[in-house]
Amino acid sequence: MTEFKKIFLDTSPIIYMLDKNVVESLKEKTQRIFLSINEQEIEPNFVISTITCEEYLVIPYRTNNQSAVESLWHFISDSHITIYEVNMDIAVKAAQIRADYKYFKAMDALQLATACVNGCDLFLTNDSQLTQFTEIKCATIADWQFD
């Protein structure tokens, strides 16, 4: 993969990094991707949205797993991840995305819109449907190719 400066992390890469119950091959590949991105000459800027936090935290709250909740906050802090809130510009962009890609879910469109509005050049996910989006590069964990 080429060098990326601003990388939006969809919820799945966060889950793969933090969840103890993830298939080991997904966890290992995601860790390798993070390492390869961090080894670039250009220091990347990782970003997420408040939606990523909401999606990730459902299971920890449902299972009363305070350790998993704290792991998310530590990961965000330790990785210097910027969190963007959804605002009207993002909502409008998400509506445009859903108009153009009628099978995209609202949350996915909001995630993509957050990445677009905030100038990301890579959207890292594991939802292959989202790779149809052409405004920014969308890459899946499963299809990631190491240089």
C-alpha atoms as a PDB file:
ATOM      1  CA  MET A   1       0.000   0.000   0.000  1.00  0.00           C
ATOM      2  CA  THR A   2       1.097   3.544  -0.581  1.00  0.00           C
ATOM      3  CA  GLU A   3       1.771   5.955   2.212  1.00  0.00           C
ATOM      4  CA  PHE A   4      -1.289   7.438   3.887  1.00  0.00           C
ATOM      5  CA  LYS A   5      -1.309  10.555   6.024  1.00  0.00           C
ATOM      6  CA  LYS A   6      -4.776  10.503   7.580  1.00  0.00           C
ATOM      7  CA  ILE A   7      -6.385   7.127   8.189  1.00  0.00           C
ATOM      8  CA  PHE A   8      -9.958   6.648   9.300  1.00  0.00           C
ATOM      9  CA  LEU A   9     -10.458   3.482  11.342  1.00  0.00           C
ATOM     10  CA  ASP A  10     -13.862   1.900  10.976  1.00  0.00           C
ATOM     11  CA  THR A  11     -15.081  -0.037  13.996  1.00  0.00           C
ATOM     12  CA  SER A  12     -13.853  -3.462  12.865  1.00  0.00           C
ATOM     13  CA  PRO A  13     -10.110  -2.680  13.080  1.00  0.00           C
ATOM     14  CA  ILE A  14     -10.648  -1.365  16.616  1.00  0.00           C
ATOM     15  CA  ILE A  15     -12.491  -4.549  17.559  1.00  0.00           C
ATOM     16  CA  TYR A  16      -9.755  -6.704  16.025  1.00  0.00           C
ATOM     17  CA  MET A  17      -7.090  -4.850  18.000  1.00  0.00           C
ATOM     18  CA  LEU A  18      -8.886  -4.922  21.356  1.00  0.00           C
ATOM     19  CA  ASP A  19     -11.313  -7.833  21.566  1.00  0.00           C
ATOM     20  CA  LYS A  20      -9.949 -10.994  23.146  1.00  0.00           C
ATOM     21  CA  ASN A  21     -12.549 -13.148  21.348  1.00  0.00           C
ATOM     22  CA  VAL A  22     -11.533 -12.191  17.795  1.00  0.00           C
ATOM     23  CA  VAL A  23     -10.251 -14.822  15.387  1.00  0.00           C
ATOM     24  CA  GLU A  24      -6.482 -14.808  15.932  1.00  0.00           C
ATOM     25  CA  SER A  25      -5.674 -14.438  12.226  1.00  0.00           C
ATOM     26  CA  LEU A  26      -7.719 -11.202  12.036  1.00  0.00           C
ATOM     27  CA  LYS A  27      -6.064  -9.852  15.175  1.00  0.00           C
ATOM     28  CA  GLU A  28      -2.577 -10.682  13.869  1.00  0.00           C
ATOM     29  CA  LYS A  29      -3.220  -9.198  10.425  1.00  0.00           C
ATOM     30  CA  THR A  30      -4.665  -6.018  11.910  1.00  0.00           C
ATOM     31  CA  GLN A  31      -1.636  -5.671  14.187  1.00  0.00           C
ATOM     32  CA  ARG A  32       0.660  -6.145  11.169  1.00  0.00           C
ATOM     33  CA  ILE A  33      -1.256  -3.458   9.270  1.00  0.00           C
ATOM     34  CA  PHE A  34      -0.887  -1.002  12.166  1.00  0.00           C
ATOM     35  CA  LEU A  35       2.835  -1.788  12.372  1.00  0.00           C
ATOM     36  CA  SER A  36       3.351  -1.368   8.622  1.00  0.00           C
ATOM     37  CA  ILE A  37       1.465   1.947   8.617  1.00  0.00           C
ATOM     38  CA  ASN A  38       3.451   3.187  11.615  1.00  0.00           C
ATOM     39  CA  GLU A  39       6.720   2.291   9.837  1.00  0.00           C
ATOM     40  CA  GLN A  40       6.001   4.765   7.011  1.00  0.00           C
ATOM     41  CA  GLU A  41       8.320   7.722   6.614  1.00  0.00           C
ATOM     42  CA  ILE A  42       5.298   9.979   7.076  1.00  0.00           C
ATOM     43  CA  GLU A  43       3.779   9.676  10.538  1.00  0.00           C
ATOM     44  CA  PRO A  44       0.113   8.749  10.053  1.00  0.00           C
ATOM     45  CA  ASN A  45      -2.754  10.420  11.811  1.00  0.00           C
ATOM     46  CA  PHE A  46      -5.376   7.881  12.889  1.00  0.00           C
ATOM     47  CA  VAL A  47      -8.945   9.112  13.291  1.00  0.00           C
ATOM     48  CA  ILE A  48     -12.310   7.679  14.303  1.00  0.00           C
ATOM     49  CA  SER A  49     -15.768   9.097  14.856  1.00  0.00           C
ATOM     50  CA  THR A  50     -18.006   9.083  17.879  1.00  0.00           C
ATOM     51  CA  ILE A  51     -19.943   6.397  15.996  1.00  0.00           C
ATOM     52  CA  THR A  52     -16.912   4.098  16.234  1.00  0.00           C
ATOM     53  CA  CYS A  53     -16.992   4.545  20.004  1.00  0.00           C
ATOM     54  CA  GLU A  54     -20.729   3.839  20.135  1.00  0.00           C
ATOM     55  CA  GLU A  55     -20.463   0.710  17.999  1.00  0.00           C
ATOM     56  CA  TYR A  56     -17.484  -0.680  19.897  1.00  0.00           C
ATOM     57  CA  LEU A  57     -18.898  -0.023  23.371  1.00  0.00           C
ATOM     58  CA  VAL A  58     -22.217  -1.865  22.922  1.00  0.00           C
ATOM     59  CA  ILE A  59     -20.875  -5.327  23.848  1.00  0.00           C
ATOM     60  CA  PRO A  60     -18.673  -4.164  26.751  1.00  0.00           C
ATOM     61  CA  TYR A  61     -21.639  -2.315  28.260  1.00  0.00           C
ATOM     62  CA  ARG A  62     -24.034  -5.179  27.563  1.00  0.00           C
ATOM     63  CA  THR A  63     -21.694  -7.641  29.303  1.00  0.00           C
ATOM     64  CA  ASN A  64     -20.673  -5.176  32.027  1.00  0.00           C
ATOM     65  CA  ASN A  65     -17.035  -5.458  30.925  1.00  0.00           C
ATOM     66  CA  GLN A  66     -15.484  -2.305  32.345  1.00  0.00           C
ATOM     67  CA  SER A  67     -12.021  -3.545  31.386  1.00  0.00           C
ATOM     68  CA  ALA A  68     -12.983  -3.514  27.685  1.00  0.00           C
ATOM     69  CA  VAL A  69     -14.407  -0.009  28.059  1.00  0.00           C
ATOM     70  CA  GLU A  70     -11.161   1.191  29.604  1.00  0.00           C
ATOM     71  CA  SER A  71      -9.151  -0.634  26.920  1.00  0.00           C
ATOM     72  CA  LEU A  72     -10.850   1.447  24.238  1.00  0.00           C
ATOM     73  CA  TRP A  73     -10.009   4.734  25.967  1.00  0.00           C
ATOM     74  CA  HIS A  74      -6.409   3.625  26.585  1.00  0.00           C
ATOM     75  CA  PHE A  75      -6.015   2.493  22.953  1.00  0.00           C
ATOM     76  CA  ILE A  76      -7.334   5.823  21.663  1.00  0.00           C
ATOM     77  CA  SER A  77      -5.052   7.768  23.989  1.00  0.00           C
ATOM     78  CA  ASP A  78      -1.947   5.612  23.480  1.00  0.00           C
ATOM     79  CA  SER A  79      -2.372   5.625  19.688  1.00  0.00           C
ATOM     80  CA  HIS A  80      -3.029   9.396  19.593  1.00  0.00           C
ATOM     81  CA  ILE A  81      -6.293   8.806  17.723  1.00  0.00           C
ATOM     82  CA  THR A  82      -8.414  11.872  16.966  1.00  0.00           C
ATOM     83  CA  ILE A  83     -12.159  11.483  17.525  1.00  0.00           C
ATOM     84  CA  TYR A  84     -14.521  13.479  15.300  1.00  0.00           C
ATOM     85  CA  GLU A  85     -18.110  14.205  16.228  1.00  0.00           C
ATOM     86  CA  VAL A  86     -20.894  13.913  13.691  1.00  0.00           C
ATOM     87  CA  ASN A  87     -22.123  17.365  12.680  1.00  0.00           C
ATOM     88  CA  MET A  88     -24.436  18.812  10.019  1.00  0.00           C
ATOM     89  CA  ASP A  89     -21.768  18.783   7.285  1.00  0.00           C
ATOM     90  CA  ILE A  90     -21.198  15.090   7.949  1.00  0.00           C
ATOM     91  CA  ALA A  91     -24.936  14.364   8.051  1.00  0.00           C
ATOM     92  CA  VAL A  92     -25.449  16.061   4.675  1.00  0.00           C
ATOM     93  CA  LYS A  93     -22.466  14.222   3.169  1.00  0.00           C
ATOM     94  CA  ALA A  94     -23.806  10.916   4.543  1.00  0.00           C
ATOM     95  CA  ALA A  95     -27.172  11.588   2.906  1.00  0.00           C
ATOM     96  CA  GLN A  96     -25.407  12.205  -0.409  1.00  0.00           C
ATOM     97  CA  ILE A  97     -23.460   8.964  -0.002  1.00  0.00           C
ATOM     98  CA  ARG A  98     -26.643   7.001   0.726  1.00  0.00           C
ATOM     99  CA  ALA A  99     -28.294   8.595  -2.308  1.00  0.00           C
ATOM    100  CA  ASP A 100     -25.405   7.407  -4.502  1.00  0.00           C
ATOM    101  CA  TYR A 101     -24.910   4.001  -2.820  1.00  0.00           C
ATOM    102  CA  LYS A 102     -28.407   2.833  -2.001  1.00  0.00           C
ATOM    103  CA  TYR A 103     -27.341  -0.338  -0.162  1.00  0.00           C
ATOM    104  CA  PHE A 104     -25.041   1.445   2.303  1.00  0.00           C
ATOM    105  CA  LYS A 105     -26.348   1.515   5.865  1.00  0.00           C
ATOM    106  CA  ALA A 106     -26.794   4.855   7.621  1.00  0.00           C
ATOM    107  CA  MET A 107     -23.989   4.228  10.140  1.00  0.00           C
ATOM    108  CA  ASP A 108     -21.575   3.238   7.361  1.00  0.00           C
ATOM    109  CA  ALA A 109     -22.474   6.364   5.375  1.00  0.00           C
ATOM    110  CA  LEU A 110     -21.874   8.487   8.465  1.00  0.00           C
ATOM    111  CA  GLN A 111     -18.481   6.850   8.980  1.00  0.00           C
ATOM    112  CA  LEU A 112     -17.496   7.411   5.338  1.00  0.00           C
ATOM    113  CA  ALA A 113     -18.799  10.980   5.453  1.00  0.00           C
ATOM    114  CA  THR A 114     -16.748  11.690   8.588  1.00  0.00           C
ATOM    115  CA  ALA A 115     -13.656  10.447   6.774  1.00  0.00           C
ATOM    116  CA  CYS A 116     -14.407  12.559   3.676  1.00  0.00           C
ATOM    117  CA  VAL A 117     -15.316  15.780   5.458  1.00  0.00           C
ATOM    118  CA  ASN A 118     -12.179  15.548   7.597  1.00  0.00           C
ATOM    119  CA  GLY A 119      -9.769  14.909   4.715  1.00  0.00           C
ATOM    120  CA  CYS A 120      -8.834  11.282   5.295  1.00  0.00           C
ATOM    121  CA  ASP A 121      -6.999   9.511   2.494  1.00  0.00           C
ATOM    122  CA  LEU A 122      -7.689   5.946   3.678  1.00  0.00           C
ATOM    123  CA  PHE A 123     -10.745   4.310   5.194  1.00  0.00           C
ATOM    124  CA  LEU A 124      -9.706   1.062   6.883  1.00  0.00           C
ATOM    125  CA  THR A 125     -12.567  -1.377   7.374  1.00  0.00           C
ATOM    126  CA  ASN A 126     -13.408  -5.010   6.947  1.00  0.00           C
ATOM    127  CA  ASP A 127     -16.715  -4.396   5.184  1.00  0.00           C
ATOM    128  CA  SER A 128     -16.032  -5.281   1.560  1.00  0.00           C
ATOM    129  CA  GLN A 129     -19.219  -3.529   0.411  1.00  0.00           C
ATOM    130  CA  LEU A 130     -17.668  -0.198   1.382  1.00  0.00           C
ATOM    131  CA  THR A 131     -14.806  -0.671  -1.082  1.00  0.00           C
ATOM    132  CA  GLN A 132     -17.312   0.358  -3.780  1.00  0.00           C
ATOM    133  CA  PHE A 133     -16.999   3.901  -2.448  1.00  0.00           C
ATOM    134  CA  THR A 134     -14.691   5.878  -4.722  1.00  0.00           C
ATOM    135  CA  GLU A 135     -14.213   9.268  -3.075  1.00  0.00           C
ATOM    136  CA  ILE A 136     -11.407   8.003  -0.841  1.00  0.00           C
ATOM    137  CA  LYS A 137      -9.414   4.770  -0.794  1.00  0.00           C
ATOM    138  CA  CYS A 138     -11.275   2.076   1.156  1.00  0.00           C
ATOM    139  CA  ALA A 139      -9.281  -0.988   2.149  1.00  0.00           C
ATOM    140  CA  THR A 140     -10.337  -4.088   4.003  1.00  0.00           C
ATOM    141  CA  ILE A 141      -8.290  -5.925   6.569  1.00  0.00           C
ATOM    142  CA  ALA A 142      -8.915  -9.157   4.643  1.00  0.00           C
ATOM    143  CA  ASP A 143      -7.665  -7.760   1.319  1.00  0.00           C
ATOM    144  CA  TRP A 144      -4.738  -5.702   2.653  1.00  0.00           C
ATOM    145  CA  GLN A 145      -1.541  -6.348   0.726  1.00  0.00           C
ATOM    146  CA  PHE A 146       1.805  -5.773   2.379  1.00  0.00           C
ATOM    147  CA  ASP A 147       4.553  -4.154   0.290  1.00  0.00           C
END
